PDB file of N, CA and C in Angstrom:
ATOM      1  N   MET A   1     117.552 123.035  92.452  1.00  0.00           N
ATOM      2  CA  MET A   1     117.844 121.515  92.773  1.00  0.00           C
ATOM      3  C   MET A   1     118.610 121.921  93.484  1.00  0.00           C
ATOM      4  N   GLY A   2     119.484 121.704  93.236  1.00  0.00           N
ATOM      5  CA  GLY A   2     120.681 121.567  95.190  1.00  0.00           C
ATOM      6  C   GLY A   2     120.141 122.386  95.916  1.00  0.00           C
ATOM      7  N   ARG A   3     120.657 121.194  97.467  1.00  0.00           N
ATOM      8  CA  ARG A   3     120.563 121.313  98.682  1.00  0.00           C
ATOM      9  C   ARG A   3     121.882 122.476  98.923  1.00  0.00           C
ATOM     10  N   GLY A   4     120.682 123.200 100.388  1.00  0.00           N
ATOM     11  CA  GLY A   4     121.930 123.615 101.055  1.00  0.00           C
ATOM     12  C   GLY A   4     122.023 125.190 100.627  1.00  0.00           C
ATOM     13  N   ARG A   5     122.676 125.971 100.713  1.00  0.00           N
ATOM     14  CA  ARG A   5     122.331 127.090 100.246  1.00  0.00           C
ATOM     15  C   ARG A   5     123.011 127.566  98.941  1.00  0.00           C
ATOM     16  N   PRO A   6     121.890 128.334  98.624  1.00  0.00           N
ATOM     17  CA  PRO A   6     122.776 128.597  97.085  1.00  0.00           C
ATOM     18  C   PRO A   6     123.653 129.485  96.718  1.00  0.00           C
ATOM     19  N   SER A   7     124.587 129.258  95.642  1.00  0.00           N
ATOM     20  CA  SER A   7     125.972 129.233  95.784  1.00  0.00           C
ATOM     21  C   SER A   7     125.995 131.303  95.123  1.00  0.00           C
ATOM     22  N   LYS A   8     127.012 131.502  95.705  1.00  0.00           N
ATOM     23  CA  LYS A   8     127.203 132.638  95.819  1.00  0.00           C
ATOM     24  C   LYS A   8     128.194 133.280  93.704  1.00  0.00           C
ATOM     25  N   LYS A   9     128.437 133.933  93.688  1.00  0.00           N
ATOM     26  CA  LYS A   9     128.685 133.638  92.689  1.00  0.00           C
ATOM     27  C   LYS A   9     130.246 134.839  93.043  1.00  0.00           C
ATOM     28  N   ILE A  10     131.310 134.544  92.693  1.00  0.00           N
ATOM     29  CA  ILE A  10     132.551 135.595  93.103  1.00  0.00           C
ATOM     30  C   ILE A  10     133.712 136.431  92.199  1.00  0.00           C
ATOM     31  N   ALA A  11     133.665 137.314  92.539  1.00  0.00           N
ATOM     32  CA  ALA A  11     133.727 137.773  91.556  1.00  0.00           C
ATOM     33  C   ALA A  11     135.743 137.936  91.907  1.00  0.00           C
ATOM     34  N   PRO A  12     136.336 137.745  90.185  1.00  0.00           N
ATOM     35  CA  PRO A  12     137.598 137.332  90.630  1.00  0.00           C
ATOM     36  C   PRO A  12     138.621 138.415  90.990  1.00  0.00           C
ATOM     37  N   LYS A  13     139.456 137.934  91.746  1.00  0.00           N
ATOM     38  CA  LYS A  13     140.426 139.451  92.149  1.00  0.00           C
ATOM     39  C   LYS A  13     141.450 140.268  91.126  1.00  0.00           C
ATOM     40  N   ALA A  14     141.800 140.991  90.818  1.00  0.00           N
ATOM     41  CA  ALA A  14     141.877 142.260  90.685  1.00  0.00           C
ATOM     42  C   ALA A  14     143.698 142.164  90.337  1.00  0.00           C
ATOM     43  N   PRO A  15     144.169 141.443  89.719  1.00  0.00           N
ATOM     44  CA  PRO A  15     145.776 141.388  89.348  1.00  0.00           C
ATOM     45  C   PRO A  15     146.508 142.074  90.683  1.00  0.00           C
ATOM     46  N   ILE A  16     147.776 141.625  91.575  1.00  0.00           N
ATOM     47  CA  ILE A  16     148.493 141.872  92.178  1.00  0.00           C
ATOM     48  C   ILE A  16     149.501 142.814  91.798  1.00  0.00           C
ATOM     49  N   VAL A  17     150.257 144.001  90.763  1.00  0.00           N
ATOM     50  CA  VAL A  17     151.105 144.999  89.944  1.00  0.00           C
ATOM     51  C   VAL A  17     152.593 145.187  91.534  1.00  0.00           C
ATOM     52  N   ARG A  18     153.698 144.277  90.884  1.00  0.00           N
ATOM     53  CA  ARG A  18     154.671 145.026  91.889  1.00  0.00           C
ATOM     54  C   ARG A  18     155.481 145.276  91.749  1.00  0.00           C
ATOM     55  N   THR A  19     156.039 146.133  91.896  1.00  0.00           N
ATOM     56  CA  THR A  19     156.972 147.125  91.252  1.00  0.00           C
ATOM     57  C   THR A  19     158.798 146.062  91.554  1.00  0.00           C
ATOM     58  N   GLY A  20     159.537 147.038  90.899  1.00  0.00           N
ATOM     59  CA  GLY A  20     161.114 146.429  91.359  1.00  0.00           C
ATOM     60  C   GLY A  20     161.351 145.305  90.508  1.00  0.00           C
ATOM     61  N   ARG A  21     162.398 145.412  90.606  1.00  0.00           N
ATOM     62  CA  ARG A  21     163.650 143.772  89.654  1.00  0.00           C
ATOM     63  C   ARG A  21     162.727 142.682  90.471  1.00  0.00           C
ATOM     64  N   PRO A  22     162.974 141.784  89.229  1.00  0.00           N
ATOM     65  CA  PRO A  22     161.838 140.584  89.474  1.00  0.00           C
ATOM     66  C   PRO A  22     162.522 139.850  90.346  1.00  0.00           C
ATOM     67  N   VAL A  23     162.304 138.691  91.028  1.00  0.00           N
ATOM     68  CA  VAL A  23     162.655 138.355  91.503  1.00  0.00           C
ATOM     69  C   VAL A  23     164.028 137.246  91.696  1.00  0.00           C
ATOM     70  N   SER A  24     163.670 136.597  90.082  1.00  0.00           N
ATOM     71  CA  SER A  24     163.980 135.094  89.200  1.00  0.00           C
ATOM     72  C   SER A  24     165.277 136.106  89.112  1.00  0.00           C
ATOM     73  N   GLU A  25     165.299 137.660  87.858  1.00  0.00           N
ATOM     74  CA  GLU A  25     166.451 137.780  87.863  1.00  0.00           C
ATOM     75  C   GLU A  25     167.576 138.288  88.887  1.00  0.00           C
ATOM     76  N   LYS A  26     169.452 138.048  89.179  1.00  0.00           N
ATOM     77  CA  LYS A  26     169.796 138.141  90.272  1.00  0.00           C
ATOM     78  C   LYS A  26     170.945 139.129  89.631  1.00  0.00           C
ATOM     79  N   ILE A  27     171.210 139.904  90.347  1.00  0.00           N
ATOM     80  CA  ILE A  27     171.784 141.553  90.375  1.00  0.00           C
ATOM     81  C   ILE A  27     173.273 140.728  90.199  1.00  0.00           C
ATOM     82  N   VAL A  28     173.391 141.465  88.609  1.00  0.00           N
ATOM     83  CA  VAL A  28     174.830 141.494  88.303  1.00  0.00           C
ATOM     84  C   VAL A  28     175.251 143.346  88.338  1.00  0.00           C
ATOM     85  N   THR A  29     177.245 142.545  89.361  1.00  0.00           N
ATOM     86  CA  THR A  29     177.834 144.584  89.141  1.00  0.00           C
ATOM     87  C   THR A  29     179.248 143.803  88.805  1.00  0.00           C
ATOM     88  N   CYS A  30     179.008 145.278  88.324  1.00  0.00           N
ATOM     89  CA  CYS A  30     181.183 144.669  87.813  1.00  0.00           C
ATOM     90  C   CYS A  30     181.685 145.757  88.259  1.00  0.00           C
ATOM     91  N   VAL A  31     182.690 145.186  87.980  1.00  0.00           N
ATOM     92  CA  VAL A  31     184.006 146.216  89.006  1.00  0.00           C
ATOM     93  C   VAL A  31     185.197 146.513  87.490  1.00  0.00           C
ATOM     94  N   VAL A  32     186.029 147.065  87.546  1.00  0.00           N
ATOM     95  CA  VAL A  32     187.162 147.280  86.489  1.00  0.00           C
ATOM     96  C   VAL A  32     187.667 148.116  87.532  1.00  0.00           C
ATOM     97  N   TYR A  33     188.916 147.407  87.280  1.00  0.00           N
ATOM     98  CA  TYR A  33     190.432 147.926  88.980  1.00  0.00           C
ATOM     99  C   TYR A  33     190.652 147.168  88.235  1.00  0.00           C
ATOM    100  N   LYS A  34     192.612 148.505  88.032  1.00  0.00           N
ATOM    101  CA  LYS A  34     194.958 147.703  87.728  1.00  0.00           C
ATOM    102  C   LYS A  34     194.972 147.493  89.000  1.00  0.00           C
ATOM    103  N   LYS A  35     195.760 147.262  89.025  1.00  0.00           N
ATOM    104  CA  LYS A  35     197.128 147.061  89.661  1.00  0.00           C
ATOM    105  C   LYS A  35     197.897 148.516  89.965  1.00  0.00           C
ATOM    106  N   SER A  36     197.829 148.802  90.673  1.00  0.00           N
ATOM    107  CA  SER A  36     198.653 150.605  91.574  1.00  0.00           C
ATOM    108  C   SER A  36     200.144 150.014  90.186  1.00  0.00           C
ATOM    109  N   THR A  37     200.308 149.773  90.058  1.00  0.00           N
ATOM    110  CA  THR A  37     202.287 149.371  89.248  1.00  0.00           C
ATOM    111  C   THR A  37     201.579 150.310  88.164  1.00  0.00           C
ATOM    112  N   GLY A  38     200.333 149.436  86.784  1.00  0.00           N
ATOM    113  CA  GLY A  38     200.348 149.090  86.189  1.00  0.00           C
ATOM    114  C   GLY A  38     199.271 149.611  85.098  1.00  0.00           C
ATOM    115  N   LYS A  39     199.397 149.283  83.930  1.00  0.00           N
ATOM    116  CA  LYS A  39     198.260 150.424  82.727  1.00  0.00           C
ATOM    117  C   LYS A  39     196.879 148.856  82.057  1.00  0.00           C
ATOM    118  N   LYS A  40     197.682 147.652  82.817  1.00  0.00           N
ATOM    119  CA  LYS A  40     196.206 147.015  82.009  1.00  0.00           C
ATOM    120  C   LYS A  40     194.846 146.913  82.693  1.00  0.00           C
ATOM    121  N   HIS A  41     193.671 147.372  82.056  1.00  0.00           N
ATOM    122  CA  HIS A  41     192.246 146.803  83.018  1.00  0.00           C
ATOM    123  C   HIS A  41     191.732 145.263  83.151  1.00  0.00           C
ATOM    124  N   TYR A  42     190.739 145.034  84.375  1.00  0.00           N
ATOM    125  CA  TYR A  42     190.412 144.343  84.619  1.00  0.00           C
ATOM    126  C   TYR A  42     189.132 143.692  85.192  1.00  0.00           C
ATOM    127  N   LEU A  43     188.357 142.728  84.362  1.00  0.00           N
ATOM    128  CA  LEU A  43     187.297 142.837  85.094  1.00  0.00           C
ATOM    129  C   LEU A  43     185.926 141.444  85.770  1.00  0.00           C
ATOM    130  N   ASN A  44     186.207 142.229  86.857  1.00  0.00           N
ATOM    131  CA  ASN A  44     185.232 141.486  87.061  1.00  0.00           C
ATOM    132  C   ASN A  44     183.723 141.313  87.559  1.00  0.00           C
ATOM    133  N   THR A  45     182.505 140.449  87.216  1.00  0.00           N
ATOM    134  CA  THR A  45     181.595 140.460  87.862  1.00  0.00           C
ATOM    135  C   THR A  45     180.695 139.024  89.015  1.00  0.00           C
ATOM    136  N   TYR A  46     180.488 139.995  89.855  1.00  0.00           N
ATOM    137  CA  TYR A  46     180.050 139.847  90.992  1.00  0.00           C
ATOM    138  C   TYR A  46     177.939 139.150  90.720  1.00  0.00           C
ATOM    139  N   VAL A  47     177.678 138.129  91.388  1.00  0.00           N
ATOM    140  CA  VAL A  47     176.292 137.981  91.424  1.00  0.00           C
ATOM    141  C   VAL A  47     175.916 137.892  92.966  1.00  0.00           C
ATOM    142  N   ASN A  48     174.975 138.752  93.223  1.00  0.00           N
ATOM    143  CA  ASN A  48     174.203 138.755  94.725  1.00  0.00           C
ATOM    144  C   ASN A  48     175.366 139.867  95.766  1.00  0.00           C
ATOM    145  N   PHE A  49     176.441 140.461  94.919  1.00  0.00           N
ATOM    146  CA  PHE A  49     176.797 141.146  96.262  1.00  0.00           C
ATOM    147  C   PHE A  49     176.742 142.287  96.184  1.00  0.00           C
ATOM    148  N   GLU A  50     176.721 143.090  97.681  1.00  0.00           N
ATOM    149  CA  GLU A  50     176.013 144.432  97.592  1.00  0.00           C
ATOM    150  C   GLU A  50     177.331 145.069  96.976  1.00  0.00           C
ATOM    151  N   VAL A  51     177.145 146.535  96.395  1.00  0.00           N
ATOM    152  CA  VAL A  51     178.630 147.551  96.242  1.00  0.00           C
ATOM    153  C   VAL A  51     179.380 147.609  97.151  1.00  0.00           C
ATOM    154  N   ASP A  52     178.516 148.193  98.839  1.00  0.00           N
ATOM    155  CA  ASP A  52     178.946 147.867  99.877  1.00  0.00           C
ATOM    156  C   ASP A  52     180.114 147.294 100.219  1.00  0.00           C
ATOM    157  N   ALA A  53     179.444 145.644  99.874  1.00  0.00           N
ATOM    158  CA  ALA A  53     181.120 144.404  99.922  1.00  0.00           C
ATOM    159  C   ALA A  53     181.777 144.559  98.894  1.00  0.00           C
ATOM    160  N   ILE A  54     181.822 145.407  98.067  1.00  0.00           N
ATOM    161  CA  ILE A  54     182.647 144.905  96.828  1.00  0.00           C
ATOM    162  C   ILE A  54     183.809 145.988  97.443  1.00  0.00           C
ATOM    163  N   ILE A  55     183.370 147.303  98.198  1.00  0.00           N
ATOM    164  CA  ILE A  55     184.483 148.401  97.887  1.00  0.00           C
ATOM    165  C   ILE A  55     184.894 148.383  99.635  1.00  0.00           C
ATOM    166  N   THR A  56     184.699 147.719 100.074  1.00  0.00           N
ATOM    167  CA  THR A  56     185.331 147.919 101.778  1.00  0.00           C
ATOM    168  C   THR A  56     186.031 146.603 101.654  1.00  0.00           C
ATOM    169  N   ASN A  57     186.970 147.393 102.841  1.00  0.00           N
ATOM    170  CA  ASN A  57     188.081 145.811 102.917  1.00  0.00           C
ATOM    171  C   ASN A  57     188.696 145.262 104.330  1.00  0.00           C
ATOM    172  N   ARG A  58     187.129 146.219 104.757  1.00  0.00           N
ATOM    173  CA  ARG A  58     187.241 146.292 106.202  1.00  0.00           C
ATOM    174  C   ARG A  58     186.230 144.353 106.082  1.00  0.00           C
ATOM    175  N   LYS A  59     186.679 143.392 105.628  1.00  0.00           N
ATOM    176  CA  LYS A  59     186.191 142.001 105.124  1.00  0.00           C
ATOM    177  C   LYS A  59     188.196 141.382 106.560  1.00  0.00           C
ATOM    178  N   HIS A  60     187.898 139.524 106.125  1.00  0.00           N
ATOM    179  CA  HIS A  60     188.963 139.562 106.371  1.00  0.00           C
ATOM    180  C   HIS A  60     189.533 139.341 105.937  1.00  0.00           C
ATOM    181  N   THR A  61     188.803 138.505 103.998  1.00  0.00           N
ATOM    182  CA  THR A  61     189.664 138.416 102.455  1.00  0.00           C
ATOM    183  C   THR A  61     188.398 139.479 101.844  1.00  0.00           C
ATOM    184  N   PRO A  62     189.118 140.756 101.656  1.00  0.00           N
ATOM    185  CA  PRO A  62     188.422 140.829 100.860  1.00  0.00           C
ATOM    186  C   PRO A  62     188.525 140.398  99.500  1.00  0.00           C
ATOM    187  N   LEU A  63     186.754 141.053  97.967  1.00  0.00           N
ATOM    188  CA  LEU A  63     187.191 140.833  97.415  1.00  0.00           C
ATOM    189  C   LEU A  63     188.086 141.532  96.291  1.00  0.00           C
ATOM    190  N   ILE A  64     188.128 142.828  96.915  1.00  0.00           N
ATOM    191  CA  ILE A  64     189.826 142.920  95.577  1.00  0.00           C
ATOM    192  C   ILE A  64     190.153 143.603  96.386  1.00  0.00           C
ATOM    193  N   SER A  65     191.705 143.152  96.767  1.00  0.00           N
ATOM    194  CA  SER A  65     192.639 142.901  97.591  1.00  0.00           C
ATOM    195  C   SER A  65     192.972 144.658  97.850  1.00  0.00           C
ATOM    196  N   ASP A  66     193.351 145.540  98.305  1.00  0.00           N
ATOM    197  CA  ASP A  66     194.308 146.548  98.978  1.00  0.00           C
ATOM    198  C   ASP A  66     195.018 147.401  97.903  1.00  0.00           C
ATOM    199  N   GLY A  67     196.460 145.984  97.501  1.00  0.00           N
ATOM    200  CA  GLY A  67     197.130 145.919  95.780  1.00  0.00           C
ATOM    201  C   GLY A  67     196.283 146.821  94.232  1.00  0.00           C
ATOM    202  N   TYR A  68     195.225 146.974  94.848  1.00  0.00           N
ATOM    203  CA  TYR A  68     194.038 146.939  93.434  1.00  0.00           C
ATOM    204  C   TYR A  68     193.478 148.656  93.678  1.00  0.00           C
ATOM    205  N   ASP A  69     193.928 149.461  92.764  1.00  0.00           N
ATOM    206  CA  ASP A  69     192.820 150.834  91.638  1.00  0.00           C
ATOM    207  C   ASP A  69     191.584 150.148  91.556  1.00  0.00           C
ATOM    208  N   ILE A  70     190.657 150.562  91.831  1.00  0.00           N
ATOM    209  CA  ILE A  70     189.381 150.828  91.575  1.00  0.00           C
ATOM    210  C   ILE A  70     188.469 151.459  91.000  1.00  0.00           C
ATOM    211  N   VAL A  71     188.868 151.308  89.530  1.00  0.00           N
ATOM    212  CA  VAL A  71     188.137 152.290  88.468  1.00  0.00           C
ATOM    213  C   VAL A  71     187.285 152.874  87.873  1.00  0.00           C
ATOM    214  N   ASP A  72     186.357 152.014  88.009  1.00  0.00           N
ATOM    215  CA  ASP A  72     185.079 151.390  87.468  1.00  0.00           C
ATOM    216  C   ASP A  72     184.421 150.974  88.439  1.00  0.00           C
ATOM    217  N   LEU A  73     182.558 151.299  88.681  1.00  0.00           N
ATOM    218  CA  LEU A  73     181.717 150.387  88.983  1.00  0.00           C
ATOM    219  C   LEU A  73     180.611 150.731  88.558  1.00  0.00           C
ATOM    220  N   GLY A  74     180.299 149.077  88.271  1.00  0.00           N
ATOM    221  CA  GLY A  74     178.717 149.567  87.743  1.00  0.00           C
ATOM    222  C   GLY A  74     177.378 148.652  87.856  1.00  0.00           C
ATOM    223  N   ILE A  75     175.942 147.941  88.064  1.00  0.00           N
ATOM    224  CA  ILE A  75     175.140 147.438  87.459  1.00  0.00           C
ATOM    225  C   ILE A  75     174.370 147.421  86.784  1.00  0.00           C
ATOM    226  N   GLY A  76     174.740 145.979  87.049  1.00  0.00           N
ATOM    227  CA  GLY A  76     173.902 144.931  85.952  1.00  0.00           C
ATOM    228  C   GLY A  76     174.313 144.502  84.415  1.00  0.00           C
ATOM    229  N   LYS A  77     173.950 143.809  83.614  1.00  0.00           N
ATOM    230  CA  LYS A  77     174.824 143.059  82.915  1.00  0.00           C
ATOM    231  C   LYS A  77     175.450 144.541  82.098  1.00  0.00           C
ATOM    232  N   SER A  78     174.473 145.203  81.194  1.00  0.00           N
ATOM    233  CA  SER A  78     174.439 145.828  80.332  1.00  0.00           C
ATOM    234  C   SER A  78     176.535 146.780  80.418  1.00  0.00           C
ATOM    235  N   PHE A  79     176.918 146.155  82.235  1.00  0.00           N
ATOM    236  CA  PHE A  79     177.896 147.483  82.098  1.00  0.00           C
ATOM    237  C   PHE A  79     179.356 145.995  81.496  1.00  0.00           C
ATOM    238  N   ILE A  80     178.883 144.925  80.829  1.00  0.00           N
ATOM    239  CA  ILE A  80     179.469 143.896  80.446  1.00  0.00           C
ATOM    240  C   ILE A  80     180.827 144.397  79.680  1.00  0.00           C
ATOM    241  N   LYS A  81     179.355 144.887  77.820  1.00  0.00           N
ATOM    242  CA  LYS A  81     180.033 144.764  76.870  1.00  0.00           C
ATOM    243  C   LYS A  81     180.428 146.401  76.560  1.00  0.00           C
ATOM    244  N   LYS A  82     180.730 146.893  77.619  1.00  0.00           N
ATOM    245  CA  LYS A  82     180.021 148.914  78.355  1.00  0.00           C
ATOM    246  C   LYS A  82     181.735 148.514  78.376  1.00  0.00           C
ATOM    247  N   TYR A  83     182.120 148.611  79.814  1.00  0.00           N
ATOM    248  CA  TYR A  83     182.968 147.922  79.622  1.00  0.00           C
ATOM    249  C   TYR A  83     184.486 146.885  79.029  1.00  0.00           C
ATOM    250  N   MET A  84     184.159 146.166  78.035  1.00  0.00           N
ATOM    251  CA  MET A  84     184.814 145.687  77.533  1.00  0.00           C
ATOM    252  C   MET A  84     185.399 146.497  75.817  1.00  0.00           C
ATOM    253  N   LYS A  85     184.392 147.314  75.891  1.00  0.00           N
ATOM    254  CA  LYS A  85     184.693 148.589  74.974  1.00  0.00           C
ATOM    255  C   LYS A  85     185.444 149.055  75.446  1.00  0.00           C
ATOM    256  N   GLN A  86     185.284 149.533  76.117  1.00  0.00           N
ATOM    257  CA  GLN A  86     185.912 150.903  76.789  1.00  0.00           C
ATOM    258  C   GLN A  86     187.345 150.466  77.200  1.00  0.00           C
ATOM    259  N   TYR A  87     187.728 149.800  78.140  1.00  0.00           N
ATOM    260  CA  TYR A  87     188.331 149.721  78.971  1.00  0.00           C
ATOM    261  C   TYR A  87     190.109 148.131  77.500  1.00  0.00           C
ATOM    262  N   LYS A  88     189.446 147.909  76.831  1.00  0.00           N
ATOM    263  CA  LYS A  88     189.962 146.715  75.562  1.00  0.00           C
ATOM    264  C   LYS A  88     189.984 145.504  76.490  1.00  0.00           C
ATOM    265  N   ILE A  89     189.139 144.657  76.788  1.00  0.00           N
ATOM    266  CA  ILE A  89     189.448 143.691  77.985  1.00  0.00           C
ATOM    267  C   ILE A  89     188.344 142.761  77.466  1.00  0.00           C
ATOM    268  N   LEU A  90     189.725 141.462  77.526  1.00  0.00           N
ATOM    269  CA  LEU A  90     189.246 139.824  76.645  1.00  0.00           C
ATOM    270  C   LEU A  90     188.490 139.606  77.553  1.00  0.00           C
ATOM    271  N   THR A  91     189.348 139.348  78.508  1.00  0.00           N
ATOM    272  CA  THR A  91     188.758 138.667  78.832  1.00  0.00           C
ATOM    273  C   THR A  91     188.027 138.383  80.737  1.00  0.00           C
ATOM    274  N   VAL A  92     186.473 137.996  81.664  1.00  0.00           N
ATOM    275  CA  VAL A  92     185.742 138.835  82.457  1.00  0.00           C
ATOM    276  C   VAL A  92     185.781 137.495  83.454  1.00  0.00           C
ATOM    277  N   THR A  93     185.890 137.412  84.558  1.00  0.00           N
ATOM    278  CA  THR A  93     185.862 136.681  85.615  1.00  0.00           C
ATOM    279  C   THR A  93     184.784 137.306  86.276  1.00  0.00           C
ATOM    280  N   THR A  94     184.131 135.572  86.296  1.00  0.00           N
ATOM    281  CA  THR A  94     182.423 135.611  87.041  1.00  0.00           C
ATOM    282  C   THR A  94     182.770 135.222  88.487  1.00  0.00           C
ATOM    283  N   GLN A  95     182.182 135.431  89.466  1.00  0.00           N
ATOM    284  CA  GLN A  95     182.106 134.896  90.832  1.00  0.00           C
ATOM    285  C   GLN A  95     180.677 135.791  91.364  1.00  0.00           C
ATOM    286  N   ASP A  96     180.126 134.539  92.073  1.00  0.00           N
ATOM    287  CA  ASP A  96     178.901 133.630  92.559  1.00  0.00           C
ATOM    288  C   ASP A  96     178.824 133.502  94.308  1.00  0.00           C
TER     289      ASP A  96
END
């Protein structure tokens, strides 16, 4: 009844399965450090920073100064509660 070519039936495409971390989530890196002379531990969380950028001291202004000792380092939000309990930390500093 219609004019022109007959319509084709198009098969639905198979869904694309993507592996790895979802793009919408941001990487959280947790760092526990202390001053070289003291006993008190501090917890910093960095969003979208690579571990290498946190550890290195070659930057003009490093994220963690040379006067501090890095005690523990973890990637993920679950490490915030773990480190707060383990090192008895009350406050968390977040940097984007």
